[in-house]
């Protein structure tokens, strides 16, 4: 069983291995740490992890980097709180797949450069 950051194999992991894709997501999405999301939503970090572990759960979690990869610029796990600019809305991603959101982020980032 493959685990990452305490998550079981059933977690919908959305791995972002390319630096360009990480930068694009940060430019177009409100990505926050698990700690910030827990504080903002007034729940425990464990509740964030449990919600993210559900395939059709309320939270979208991005995993940055491959297992064992050391990154200086980013943390390993981020909660998607909706489009940027805007307020932090944990459910704002509903209705779109992570793949579509990543594609939109890539387009916006390429256009902005």
PDB file of N, CA and C in Angstrom:
ATOM      1  N   UNK A   1       0.845  -1.176   0.000  1.00  0.00           N
ATOM      2  CA  UNK A   1       0.000   0.000   0.000  1.00  0.00           C
ATOM      3  C   UNK A   1       0.892   1.242   0.000  1.00  0.00           C
ATOM      4  N   UNK A   2       0.638   2.130  -0.905  1.00  0.00           N
ATOM      5  CA  UNK A   2       1.410   3.357  -1.015  1.00  0.00           C
ATOM      6  C   UNK A   2       0.762   4.436  -0.162  1.00  0.00           C
ATOM      7  N   UNK A   3       1.533   5.061   0.706  1.00  0.00           N
ATOM      8  CA  UNK A   3       1.003   6.149   1.516  1.00  0.00           C
ATOM      9  C   UNK A   3       1.893   7.356   1.367  1.00  0.00           C
ATOM     10  N   UNK A   4       1.316   8.511   1.617  1.00  0.00           N
ATOM     11  CA  UNK A   4       2.055   9.758   1.538  1.00  0.00           C
ATOM     12  C   UNK A   4       1.452  10.709   2.552  1.00  0.00           C
ATOM     13  N   UNK A   5       2.286  11.247   3.409  1.00  0.00           N
ATOM     14  CA  UNK A   5       1.817  12.219   4.408  1.00  0.00           C
ATOM     15  C   UNK A   5       0.696  11.660   5.276  1.00  0.00           C
ATOM     16  N   UNK A   6       0.720  10.369   5.574  1.00  0.00           N
ATOM     17  CA  UNK A   6      -0.290   9.794   6.426  1.00  0.00           C
ATOM     18  C   UNK A   6      -1.583   9.409   5.719  1.00  0.00           C
ATOM     19  N   UNK A   7      -1.656   9.614   4.417  1.00  0.00           N
ATOM     20  CA  UNK A   7      -2.867   9.276   3.682  1.00  0.00           C
ATOM     21  C   UNK A   7      -2.783   7.837   3.213  1.00  0.00           C
ATOM     22  N   UNK A   8      -3.904   7.163   3.189  1.00  0.00           N
ATOM     23  CA  UNK A   8      -3.967   5.805   2.683  1.00  0.00           C
ATOM     24  C   UNK A   8      -4.026   5.790   1.171  1.00  0.00           C
ATOM     25  N   UNK A   9      -4.039   4.610   0.604  1.00  0.00           N
ATOM     26  CA  UNK A   9      -4.013   4.473  -0.853  1.00  0.00           C
ATOM     27  C   UNK A   9      -5.310   4.934  -1.513  1.00  0.00           C
ATOM     28  N   UNK A  10      -6.387   5.099  -0.727  1.00  0.00           N
ATOM     29  CA  UNK A  10      -7.655   5.498  -1.325  1.00  0.00           C
ATOM     30  C   UNK A  10      -7.778   7.012  -1.513  1.00  0.00           C
ATOM     31  N   UNK A  11      -6.784   7.771  -1.076  1.00  0.00           N
ATOM     32  CA  UNK A  11      -6.857   9.222  -1.230  1.00  0.00           C
ATOM     33  C   UNK A  11      -6.746   9.606  -2.697  1.00  0.00           C
ATOM     34  N   UNK A  12      -7.619  10.495  -3.161  1.00  0.00           N
ATOM     35  CA  UNK A  12      -7.485  10.970  -4.541  1.00  0.00           C
ATOM     36  C   UNK A  12      -6.290  11.906  -4.642  1.00  0.00           C
ATOM     37  N   UNK A  13      -5.153  11.349  -4.961  1.00  0.00           N
ATOM     38  CA  UNK A  13      -3.914  12.128  -5.017  1.00  0.00           C
ATOM     39  C   UNK A  13      -3.793  12.803  -6.372  1.00  0.00           C
ATOM     40  N   UNK A  14      -3.559  14.064  -6.360  1.00  0.00           N
ATOM     41  CA  UNK A  14      -3.361  14.833  -7.576  1.00  0.00           C
ATOM     42  C   UNK A  14      -1.920  15.322  -7.557  1.00  0.00           C
ATOM     43  N   UNK A  15      -1.044  14.493  -8.110  1.00  0.00           N
ATOM     44  CA  UNK A  15       0.381  14.779  -8.088  1.00  0.00           C
ATOM     45  C   UNK A  15       0.750  15.831  -9.117  1.00  0.00           C
ATOM     46  N   UNK A  16       1.551  16.776  -8.710  1.00  0.00           N
ATOM     47  CA  UNK A  16       2.055  17.810  -9.595  1.00  0.00           C
ATOM     48  C   UNK A  16       3.576  17.732  -9.526  1.00  0.00           C
ATOM     49  N   UNK A  17       4.166  17.081 -10.518  1.00  0.00           N
ATOM     50  CA  UNK A  17       5.602  16.828 -10.508  1.00  0.00           C
ATOM     51  C   UNK A  17       6.422  17.909 -11.208  1.00  0.00           C
ATOM     52  N   UNK A  18       5.812  18.677 -12.092  1.00  0.00           N
ATOM     53  CA  UNK A  18       6.538  19.679 -12.865  1.00  0.00           C
ATOM     54  C   UNK A  18       6.497  21.042 -12.183  1.00  0.00           C
ATOM     55  N   UNK A  19       7.639  21.692 -12.105  1.00  0.00           N
ATOM     56  CA  UNK A  19       7.735  23.024 -11.489  1.00  0.00           C
ATOM     57  C   UNK A  19       6.802  24.023 -12.185  1.00  0.00           C
ATOM     58  N   UNK A  20       6.727  23.959 -13.510  1.00  0.00           N
ATOM     59  CA  UNK A  20       5.861  24.852 -14.287  1.00  0.00           C
ATOM     60  C   UNK A  20       4.405  24.710 -13.834  1.00  0.00           C
ATOM     61  N   UNK A  21       3.951  23.475 -13.646  1.00  0.00           N
ATOM     62  CA  UNK A  21       2.579  23.232 -13.219  1.00  0.00           C
ATOM     63  C   UNK A  21       2.337  23.750 -11.799  1.00  0.00           C
ATOM     64  N   UNK A  22       3.320  23.593 -10.923  1.00  0.00           N
ATOM     65  CA  UNK A  22       3.191  24.113  -9.553  1.00  0.00           C
ATOM     66  C   UNK A  22       3.050  25.629  -9.586  1.00  0.00           C
ATOM     67  N   UNK A  23       3.911  26.262 -10.371  1.00  0.00           N
ATOM     68  CA  UNK A  23       3.849  27.726 -10.490  1.00  0.00           C
ATOM     69  C   UNK A  23       2.516  28.171 -11.072  1.00  0.00           C
ATOM     70  N   UNK A  24       2.016  27.453 -12.065  1.00  0.00           N
ATOM     71  CA  UNK A  24       0.734  27.789 -12.696  1.00  0.00           C
ATOM     72  C   UNK A  24      -0.409  27.670 -11.694  1.00  0.00           C
ATOM     73  N   UNK A  25      -0.420  26.606 -10.895  1.00  0.00           N
ATOM     74  CA  UNK A  25      -1.471  26.443  -9.895  1.00  0.00           C
ATOM     75  C   UNK A  25      -1.416  27.563  -8.861  1.00  0.00           C
ATOM     76  N   UNK A  26      -0.215  27.904  -8.417  1.00  0.00           N
ATOM     77  CA  UNK A  26      -0.094  28.976  -7.430  1.00  0.00           C
ATOM     78  C   UNK A  26      -0.529  30.323  -7.990  1.00  0.00           C
ATOM     79  N   UNK A  27      -0.328  30.537  -9.263  1.00  0.00           N
ATOM     80  CA  UNK A  27      -0.709  31.810  -9.883  1.00  0.00           C
ATOM     81  C   UNK A  27      -2.219  31.939 -10.060  1.00  0.00           C
ATOM     82  N   UNK A  28      -2.926  30.824 -10.217  1.00  0.00           N
ATOM     83  CA  UNK A  28      -4.354  30.911 -10.534  1.00  0.00           C
ATOM     84  C   UNK A  28      -5.292  30.346  -9.464  1.00  0.00           C
ATOM     85  N   UNK A  29      -4.777  29.627  -8.491  1.00  0.00           N
ATOM     86  CA  UNK A  29      -5.620  29.020  -7.455  1.00  0.00           C
ATOM     87  C   UNK A  29      -5.173  29.496  -6.076  1.00  0.00           C
ATOM     88  N   UNK A  30      -6.091  29.579  -5.137  1.00  0.00           N
ATOM     89  CA  UNK A  30      -5.758  29.860  -3.737  1.00  0.00           C
ATOM     90  C   UNK A  30      -5.353  28.539  -3.092  1.00  0.00           C
ATOM     91  N   UNK A  31      -4.066  28.273  -3.042  1.00  0.00           N
ATOM     92  CA  UNK A  31      -3.569  27.047  -2.420  1.00  0.00           C
ATOM     93  C   UNK A  31      -3.058  27.385  -1.028  1.00  0.00           C
ATOM     94  N   UNK A  32      -3.528  26.637  -0.050  1.00  0.00           N
ATOM     95  CA  UNK A  32      -3.155  26.899   1.337  1.00  0.00           C
ATOM     96  C   UNK A  32      -2.658  25.615   1.986  1.00  0.00           C
ATOM     97  N   UNK A  33      -1.923  25.772   3.067  1.00  0.00           N
ATOM     98  CA  UNK A  33      -1.439  24.609   3.809  1.00  0.00           C
ATOM     99  C   UNK A  33      -2.608  23.938   4.519  1.00  0.00           C
ATOM    100  N   UNK A  34      -2.388  22.711   4.911  1.00  0.00           N
ATOM    101  CA  UNK A  34      -3.420  21.989   5.656  1.00  0.00           C
ATOM    102  C   UNK A  34      -3.724  22.709   6.966  1.00  0.00           C
ATOM    103  N   UNK A  35      -2.700  23.256   7.600  1.00  0.00           N
ATOM    104  CA  UNK A  35      -2.892  23.957   8.860  1.00  0.00           C
ATOM    105  C   UNK A  35      -3.794  25.186   8.677  1.00  0.00           C
ATOM    106  N   UNK A  36      -3.519  25.956   7.609  1.00  0.00           N
ATOM    107  CA  UNK A  36      -4.333  27.138   7.345  1.00  0.00           C
ATOM    108  C   UNK A  36      -5.770  26.731   7.037  1.00  0.00           C
ATOM    109  N   UNK A  37      -5.941  25.704   6.212  1.00  0.00           N
ATOM    110  CA  UNK A  37      -7.294  25.247   5.857  1.00  0.00           C
ATOM    111  C   UNK A  37      -8.052  24.813   7.102  1.00  0.00           C
ATOM    112  N   UNK A  38      -7.389  24.086   7.995  1.00  0.00           N
ATOM    113  CA  UNK A  38      -8.037  23.631   9.221  1.00  0.00           C
ATOM    114  C   UNK A  38      -8.464  24.826  10.076  1.00  0.00           C
ATOM    115  N   UNK A  39      -7.585  25.800  10.202  1.00  0.00           N
ATOM    116  CA  UNK A  39      -7.907  26.990  10.998  1.00  0.00           C
ATOM    117  C   UNK A  39      -9.050  27.780  10.346  1.00  0.00           C
ATOM    118  N   UNK A  40      -8.976  27.966   9.046  1.00  0.00           N
ATOM    119  CA  UNK A  40      -9.988  28.725   8.312  1.00  0.00           C
ATOM    120  C   UNK A  40     -11.364  28.055   8.389  1.00  0.00           C
ATOM    121  N   UNK A  41     -11.379  26.732   8.271  1.00  0.00           N
ATOM    122  CA  UNK A  41     -12.635  25.986   8.296  1.00  0.00           C
ATOM    123  C   UNK A  41     -13.078  25.631   9.717  1.00  0.00           C
ATOM    124  N   UNK A  42     -12.236  25.981  10.694  1.00  0.00           N
ATOM    125  CA  UNK A  42     -12.525  25.732  12.117  1.00  0.00           C
ATOM    126  C   UNK A  42     -12.728  24.251  12.407  1.00  0.00           C
ATOM    127  N   UNK A  43     -11.803  23.450  11.870  1.00  0.00           N
ATOM    128  CA  UNK A  43     -11.791  22.009  12.112  1.00  0.00           C
ATOM    129  C   UNK A  43     -10.360  21.601  12.435  1.00  0.00           C
ATOM    130  N   UNK A  44     -10.167  20.364  12.819  1.00  0.00           N
ATOM    131  CA  UNK A  44      -8.822  19.870  13.107  1.00  0.00           C
ATOM    132  C   UNK A  44      -8.105  19.507  11.802  1.00  0.00           C
ATOM    133  N   UNK A  45      -6.797  19.417  11.881  1.00  0.00           N
ATOM    134  CA  UNK A  45      -6.026  18.984  10.709  1.00  0.00           C
ATOM    135  C   UNK A  45      -6.418  17.546  10.339  1.00  0.00           C
ATOM    136  N   UNK A  46      -6.715  16.754  11.338  1.00  0.00           N
ATOM    137  CA  UNK A  46      -7.152  15.378  11.085  1.00  0.00           C
ATOM    138  C   UNK A  46      -8.445  15.366  10.261  1.00  0.00           C
ATOM    139  N   UNK A  47      -9.352  16.292  10.549  1.00  0.00           N
ATOM    140  CA  UNK A  47     -10.602  16.381   9.783  1.00  0.00           C
ATOM    141  C   UNK A  47     -10.308  16.750   8.328  1.00  0.00           C
ATOM    142  N   UNK A  48      -9.312  17.605   8.108  1.00  0.00           N
ATOM    143  CA  UNK A  48      -8.902  17.963   6.737  1.00  0.00           C
ATOM    144  C   UNK A  48      -8.402  16.713   6.027  1.00  0.00           C
ATOM    145  N   UNK A  49      -7.549  15.944   6.696  1.00  0.00           N
ATOM    146  CA  UNK A  49      -6.999  14.725   6.099  1.00  0.00           C
ATOM    147  C   UNK A  49      -8.100  13.705   5.798  1.00  0.00           C
ATOM    148  N   UNK A  50      -9.060  13.558   6.706  1.00  0.00           N
ATOM    149  CA  UNK A  50     -10.162  12.627   6.472  1.00  0.00           C
ATOM    150  C   UNK A  50     -11.028  13.073   5.298  1.00  0.00           C
ATOM    151  N   UNK A  51     -11.337  14.353   5.232  1.00  0.00           N
ATOM    152  CA  UNK A  51     -12.163  14.870   4.130  1.00  0.00           C
ATOM    153  C   UNK A  51     -11.445  14.701   2.802  1.00  0.00           C
ATOM    154  N   UNK A  52     -10.145  14.909   2.790  1.00  0.00           N
ATOM    155  CA  UNK A  52      -9.372  14.780   1.559  1.00  0.00           C
ATOM    156  C   UNK A  52      -9.237  13.324   1.128  1.00  0.00           C
ATOM    157  N   UNK A  53      -9.405  12.407   2.060  1.00  0.00           N
ATOM    158  CA  UNK A  53      -9.254  10.988   1.742  1.00  0.00           C
ATOM    159  C   UNK A  53     -10.470  10.422   1.015  1.00  0.00           C
ATOM    160  N   UNK A  54     -11.567  11.159   1.004  1.00  0.00           N
ATOM    161  CA  UNK A  54     -12.768  10.675   0.309  1.00  0.00           C
ATOM    162  C   UNK A  54     -12.665  10.970  -1.178  1.00  0.00           C
ATOM    163  N   UNK A  55     -12.949   9.990  -2.008  1.00  0.00           N
ATOM    164  CA  UNK A  55     -12.846  10.142  -3.458  1.00  0.00           C
ATOM    165  C   UNK A  55     -13.683  11.300  -3.961  1.00  0.00           C
ATOM    166  N   UNK A  56     -14.887  11.452  -3.482  1.00  0.00           N
ATOM    167  CA  UNK A  56     -15.754  12.560  -3.875  1.00  0.00           C
ATOM    168  C   UNK A  56     -15.925  13.525  -2.707  1.00  0.00           C
ATOM    169  N   UNK A  57     -14.860  13.686  -1.931  1.00  0.00           N
ATOM    170  CA  UNK A  57     -14.925  14.516  -0.743  1.00  0.00           C
ATOM    171  C   UNK A  57     -15.024  15.999  -1.047  1.00  0.00           C
ATOM    172  N   UNK A  58     -15.213  16.784   0.001  1.00  0.00           N
ATOM    173  CA  UNK A  58     -15.407  18.218  -0.170  1.00  0.00           C
ATOM    174  C   UNK A  58     -14.133  18.999  -0.473  1.00  0.00           C
ATOM    175  N   UNK A  59     -12.965  18.394  -0.269  1.00  0.00           N
ATOM    176  CA  UNK A  59     -11.713  19.115  -0.452  1.00  0.00           C
ATOM    177  C   UNK A  59     -10.896  18.570  -1.609  1.00  0.00           C
ATOM    178  N   UNK A  60     -10.212  19.459  -2.281  1.00  0.00           N
ATOM    179  CA  UNK A  60      -9.279  19.081  -3.337  1.00  0.00           C
ATOM    180  C   UNK A  60      -7.876  19.308  -2.800  1.00  0.00           C
ATOM    181  N   UNK A  61      -7.075  18.253  -2.792  1.00  0.00           N
ATOM    182  CA  UNK A  61      -5.719  18.326  -2.264  1.00  0.00           C
ATOM    183  C   UNK A  61      -4.730  18.036  -3.381  1.00  0.00           C
ATOM    184  N   UNK A  62      -3.741  18.915  -3.516  1.00  0.00           N
ATOM    185  CA  UNK A  62      -2.674  18.743  -4.493  1.00  0.00           C
ATOM    186  C   UNK A  62      -1.427  18.252  -3.771  1.00  0.00           C
ATOM    187  N   UNK A  63      -0.769  17.251  -4.337  1.00  0.00           N
ATOM    188  CA  UNK A  63       0.488  16.723  -3.808  1.00  0.00           C
ATOM    189  C   UNK A  63       1.591  17.215  -4.741  1.00  0.00           C
ATOM    190  N   UNK A  64       2.482  18.030  -4.222  1.00  0.00           N
ATOM    191  CA  UNK A  64       3.562  18.601  -5.036  1.00  0.00           C
ATOM    192  C   UNK A  64       4.806  17.741  -4.938  1.00  0.00           C
ATOM    193  N   UNK A  65       5.295  17.290  -6.077  1.00  0.00           N
ATOM    194  CA  UNK A  65       6.540  16.542  -6.143  1.00  0.00           C
ATOM    195  C   UNK A  65       6.336  15.049  -6.073  1.00  0.00           C
ATOM    196  N   UNK A  66       7.363  14.359  -6.471  1.00  0.00           N
ATOM    197  CA  UNK A  66       7.364  12.902  -6.407  1.00  0.00           C
ATOM    198  C   UNK A  66       7.805  12.481  -5.017  1.00  0.00           C
ATOM    199  N   UNK A  67       7.477  11.273  -4.661  1.00  0.00           N
ATOM    200  CA  UNK A  67       7.843  10.755  -3.341  1.00  0.00           C
ATOM    201  C   UNK A  67       9.352  10.856  -3.146  1.00  0.00           C
ATOM    202  N   UNK A  68       9.759  11.454  -2.045  1.00  0.00           N
ATOM    203  CA  UNK A  68      11.166  11.588  -1.728  1.00  0.00           C
ATOM    204  C   UNK A  68      11.850  12.794  -2.353  1.00  0.00           C
ATOM    205  N   UNK A  69      11.139  13.522  -3.192  1.00  0.00           N
ATOM    206  CA  UNK A  69      11.713  14.705  -3.829  1.00  0.00           C
ATOM    207  C   UNK A  69      11.763  15.844  -2.818  1.00  0.00           C
ATOM    208  N   UNK A  70      12.889  16.519  -2.746  1.00  0.00           N
ATOM    209  CA  UNK A  70      13.037  17.643  -1.833  1.00  0.00           C
ATOM    210  C   UNK A  70      12.812  18.924  -2.614  1.00  0.00           C
ATOM    211  N   UNK A  71      11.903  19.756  -2.099  1.00  0.00           N
ATOM    212  CA  UNK A  71      11.601  21.022  -2.765  1.00  0.00           C
ATOM    213  C   UNK A  71      11.888  22.167  -1.806  1.00  0.00           C
ATOM    214  N   UNK A  72      12.501  23.204  -2.319  1.00  0.00           N
ATOM    215  CA  UNK A  72      12.800  24.364  -1.500  1.00  0.00           C
ATOM    216  C   UNK A  72      11.680  25.404  -1.576  1.00  0.00           C
ATOM    217  N   UNK A  73      10.987  25.443  -2.680  1.00  0.00           N
ATOM    218  CA  UNK A  73      10.009  26.495  -2.938  1.00  0.00           C
ATOM    219  C   UNK A  73       8.615  26.163  -2.409  1.00  0.00           C
ATOM    220  N   UNK A  74       8.253  24.891  -2.369  1.00  0.00           N
ATOM    221  CA  UNK A  74       6.888  24.499  -2.024  1.00  0.00           C
ATOM    222  C   UNK A  74       6.868  23.456  -0.924  1.00  0.00           C
ATOM    223  N   UNK A  75       5.725  23.403  -0.252  1.00  0.00           N
ATOM    224  CA  UNK A  75       5.466  22.302   0.674  1.00  0.00           C
ATOM    225  C   UNK A  75       4.951  21.123  -0.145  1.00  0.00           C
ATOM    226  N   UNK A  76       4.738  20.004   0.517  1.00  0.00           N
ATOM    227  CA  UNK A  76       4.334  18.794  -0.187  1.00  0.00           C
ATOM    228  C   UNK A  76       2.828  18.723  -0.450  1.00  0.00           C
ATOM    229  N   UNK A  77       2.017  19.249   0.461  1.00  0.00           N
ATOM    230  CA  UNK A  77       0.565  19.111   0.363  1.00  0.00           C
ATOM    231  C   UNK A  77      -0.103  20.479   0.486  1.00  0.00           C
ATOM    232  N   UNK A  78      -1.053  20.747  -0.430  1.00  0.00           N
ATOM    233  CA  UNK A  78      -1.830  21.988  -0.394  1.00  0.00           C
ATOM    234  C   UNK A  78      -3.310  21.684  -0.592  1.00  0.00           C
ATOM    235  N   UNK A  79      -4.149  22.461   0.078  1.00  0.00           N
ATOM    236  CA  UNK A  79      -5.599  22.379  -0.086  1.00  0.00           C
ATOM    237  C   UNK A  79      -6.004  23.498  -1.044  1.00  0.00           C
ATOM    238  N   UNK A  80      -6.814  23.164  -2.033  1.00  0.00           N
ATOM    239  CA  UNK A  80      -7.284  24.135  -3.020  1.00  0.00           C
ATOM    240  C   UNK A  80      -8.500  24.853  -2.443  1.00  0.00           C
ATOM    241  N   UNK A  81      -8.394  26.177  -2.339  1.00  0.00           N
ATOM    242  CA  UNK A  81      -9.475  26.982  -1.767  1.00  0.00           C
ATOM    243  C   UNK A  81     -10.153  27.852  -2.820  1.00  0.00           C
ATOM    244  N   UNK A  82     -10.105  27.429  -4.073  1.00  0.00           N
ATOM    245  CA  UNK A  82     -10.821  28.152  -5.121  1.00  0.00           C
ATOM    246  C   UNK A  82      -9.926  28.987  -6.000  1.00  0.00           C
ATOM    247  N   UNK A  83     -10.540  29.724  -6.909  1.00  0.00           N
ATOM    248  CA  UNK A  83      -9.753  30.526  -7.855  1.00  0.00           C
ATOM    249  C   UNK A  83      -9.136  31.753  -7.197  1.00  0.00           C
ATOM    250  N   UNK A  84      -8.045  32.182  -7.783  1.00  0.00           N
ATOM    251  CA  UNK A  84      -7.365  33.394  -7.345  1.00  0.00           C
ATOM    252  C   UNK A  84      -7.576  34.450  -8.388  1.00  0.00           C
ATOM    253  N   UNK A  85      -7.809  35.689  -8.137  1.00  0.00           N
ATOM    254  CA  UNK A  85      -8.024  36.229  -6.789  1.00  0.00           C
ATOM    255  C   UNK A  85      -9.423  35.891  -6.314  1.00  0.00           C
ATOM    256  N   UNK A  86      -9.588  35.935  -5.047  1.00  0.00           N
ATOM    257  CA  UNK A  86     -10.894  35.657  -4.477  1.00  0.00           C
ATOM    258  C   UNK A  86     -10.767  35.235  -3.035  1.00  0.00           C
ATOM    259  N   UNK A  87     -11.900  35.035  -2.417  1.00  0.00           N
ATOM    260  CA  UNK A  87     -11.923  34.586  -1.027  1.00  0.00           C
ATOM    261  C   UNK A  87     -11.631  33.095  -0.973  1.00  0.00           C
ATOM    262  N   UNK A  88     -11.230  32.618   0.179  1.00  0.00           N
ATOM    263  CA  UNK A  88     -10.934  31.200   0.353  1.00  0.00           C
ATOM    264  C   UNK A  88     -12.227  30.403   0.484  1.00  0.00           C
ATOM    265  N   UNK A  89     -12.547  29.647  -0.556  1.00  0.00           N
ATOM    266  CA  UNK A  89     -13.741  28.814  -0.582  1.00  0.00           C
ATOM    267  C   UNK A  89     -13.338  27.371  -0.878  1.00  0.00           C
ATOM    268  N   UNK A  90     -13.365  26.539   0.133  1.00  0.00           N
ATOM    269  CA  UNK A  90     -12.892  25.156  -0.005  1.00  0.00           C
ATOM    270  C   UNK A  90     -13.701  24.343  -1.005  1.00  0.00           C
ATOM    271  N   UNK A  91     -14.955  24.723  -1.253  1.00  0.00           N
ATOM    272  CA  UNK A  91     -15.802  23.940  -2.157  1.00  0.00           C
ATOM    273  C   UNK A  91     -15.851  24.521  -3.563  1.00  0.00           C
ATOM    274  N   UNK A  92     -15.105  25.566  -3.835  1.00  0.00           N
ATOM    275  CA  UNK A  92     -15.188  26.257  -5.126  1.00  0.00           C
ATOM    276  C   UNK A  92     -14.736  25.398  -6.304  1.00  0.00           C
ATOM    277  N   UNK A  93     -14.017  24.331  -6.042  1.00  0.00           N
ATOM    278  CA  UNK A  93     -13.533  23.473  -7.127  1.00  0.00           C
ATOM    279  C   UNK A  93     -14.601  22.502  -7.615  1.00  0.00           C
ATOM    280  N   UNK A  94     -15.666  22.311  -6.847  1.00  0.00           N
ATOM    281  CA  UNK A  94     -16.704  21.352  -7.235  1.00  0.00           C
ATOM    282  C   UNK A  94     -17.263  21.709  -8.607  1.00  0.00           C
ATOM    283  N   UNK A  95     -17.556  20.707  -9.394  1.00  0.00           N
ATOM    284  CA  UNK A  95     -18.075  20.917 -10.739  1.00  0.00           C
ATOM    285  C   UNK A  95     -16.982  20.882 -11.793  1.00  0.00           C
ATOM    286  N   UNK A  96     -15.730  20.855 -11.364  1.00  0.00           N
ATOM    287  CA  UNK A  96     -14.589  20.740 -12.283  1.00  0.00           C
ATOM    288  C   UNK A  96     -13.684  19.623 -11.803  1.00  0.00           C
ATOM    289  N   UNK A  97     -13.073  18.947 -12.739  1.00  0.00           N
ATOM    290  CA  UNK A  97     -12.116  17.920 -12.346  1.00  0.00           C
ATOM    291  C   UNK A  97     -10.761  18.585 -12.094  1.00  0.00           C
ATOM    292  N   UNK A  98      -9.912  17.964 -11.290  1.00  0.00           N
ATOM    293  CA  UNK A  98      -8.575  18.516 -11.067  1.00  0.00           C
ATOM    294  C   UNK A  98      -7.796  18.685 -12.377  1.00  0.00           C
ATOM    295  N   UNK A  99      -8.015  17.787 -13.316  1.00  0.00           N
ATOM    296  CA  UNK A  99      -7.323  17.871 -14.603  1.00  0.00           C
ATOM    297  C   UNK A  99      -7.731  19.140 -15.364  1.00  0.00           C
ATOM    298  N   UNK A 100      -9.025  19.465 -15.327  1.00  0.00           N
ATOM    299  CA  UNK A 100      -9.516  20.676 -15.986  1.00  0.00           C
ATOM    300  C   UNK A 100      -8.949  21.918 -15.298  1.00  0.00           C
ATOM    301  N   UNK A 101      -8.944  21.916 -13.965  1.00  0.00           N
ATOM    302  CA  UNK A 101      -8.400  23.059 -13.225  1.00  0.00           C
ATOM    303  C   UNK A 101      -6.919  23.265 -13.529  1.00  0.00           C
ATOM    304  N   UNK A 102      -6.173  22.161 -13.624  1.00  0.00           N
ATOM    305  CA  UNK A 102      -4.754  22.263 -13.967  1.00  0.00           C
ATOM    306  C   UNK A 102      -4.583  22.804 -15.378  1.00  0.00           C
ATOM    307  N   UNK A 103      -5.389  22.342 -16.323  1.00  0.00           N
ATOM    308  CA  UNK A 103      -5.328  22.842 -17.693  1.00  0.00           C
ATOM    309  C   UNK A 103      -5.616  24.331 -17.770  1.00  0.00           C
ATOM    310  N   UNK A 104      -6.628  24.785 -17.040  1.00  0.00           N
ATOM    311  CA  UNK A 104      -6.949  26.211 -17.005  1.00  0.00           C
ATOM    312  C   UNK A 104      -5.809  27.015 -16.390  1.00  0.00           C
ATOM    313  N   UNK A 105      -5.216  26.480 -15.323  1.00  0.00           N
ATOM    314  CA  UNK A 105      -4.090  27.162 -14.671  1.00  0.00           C
ATOM    315  C   UNK A 105      -2.909  27.280 -15.634  1.00  0.00           C
ATOM    316  N   UNK A 106      -2.644  26.219 -16.382  1.00  0.00           N
ATOM    317  CA  UNK A 106      -1.551  26.260 -17.370  1.00  0.00           C
ATOM    318  C   UNK A 106      -1.793  27.344 -18.406  1.00  0.00           C
ATOM    319  N   UNK A 107      -3.037  27.427 -18.910  1.00  0.00           N
ATOM    320  CA  UNK A 107      -3.364  28.428 -19.922  1.00  0.00           C
ATOM    321  C   UNK A 107      -3.220  29.842 -19.387  1.00  0.00           C
ATOM    322  N   UNK A 108      -3.754  30.080 -18.200  1.00  0.00           N
ATOM    323  CA  UNK A 108      -3.660  31.412 -17.592  1.00  0.00           C
ATOM    324  C   UNK A 108      -2.213  31.799 -17.340  1.00  0.00           C
ATOM    325  N   UNK A 109      -1.419  30.856 -16.866  1.00  0.00           N
ATOM    326  CA  UNK A 109      -0.018  31.121 -16.553  1.00  0.00           C
ATOM    327  C   UNK A 109       0.773  31.411 -17.831  1.00  0.00           C
ATOM    328  N   UNK A 110       0.502  30.671 -18.880  1.00  0.00           N
ATOM    329  CA  UNK A 110       1.198  30.891 -20.160  1.00  0.00           C
ATOM    330  C   UNK A 110       0.826  32.254 -20.750  1.00  0.00           C
ATOM    331  N   UNK A 111      -0.428  32.636 -20.616  1.00  0.00           N
ATOM    332  CA  UNK A 111      -0.900  33.918 -21.145  1.00  0.00           C
ATOM    333  C   UNK A 111      -0.298  35.091 -20.363  1.00  0.00           C
ATOM    334  N   UNK A 112      -0.152  34.930 -19.067  1.00  0.00           N
ATOM    335  CA  UNK A 112       0.362  35.986 -18.213  1.00  0.00           C
ATOM    336  C   UNK A 112       1.861  36.221 -18.395  1.00  0.00           C
ATOM    337  N   UNK A 113       2.552  35.255 -18.933  1.00  0.00           N
ATOM    338  CA  UNK A 113       4.015  35.390 -19.082  1.00  0.00           C
ATOM    339  C   UNK A 113       4.323  36.129 -20.299  1.00  0.00           C
TER     340      UNK A 113
END
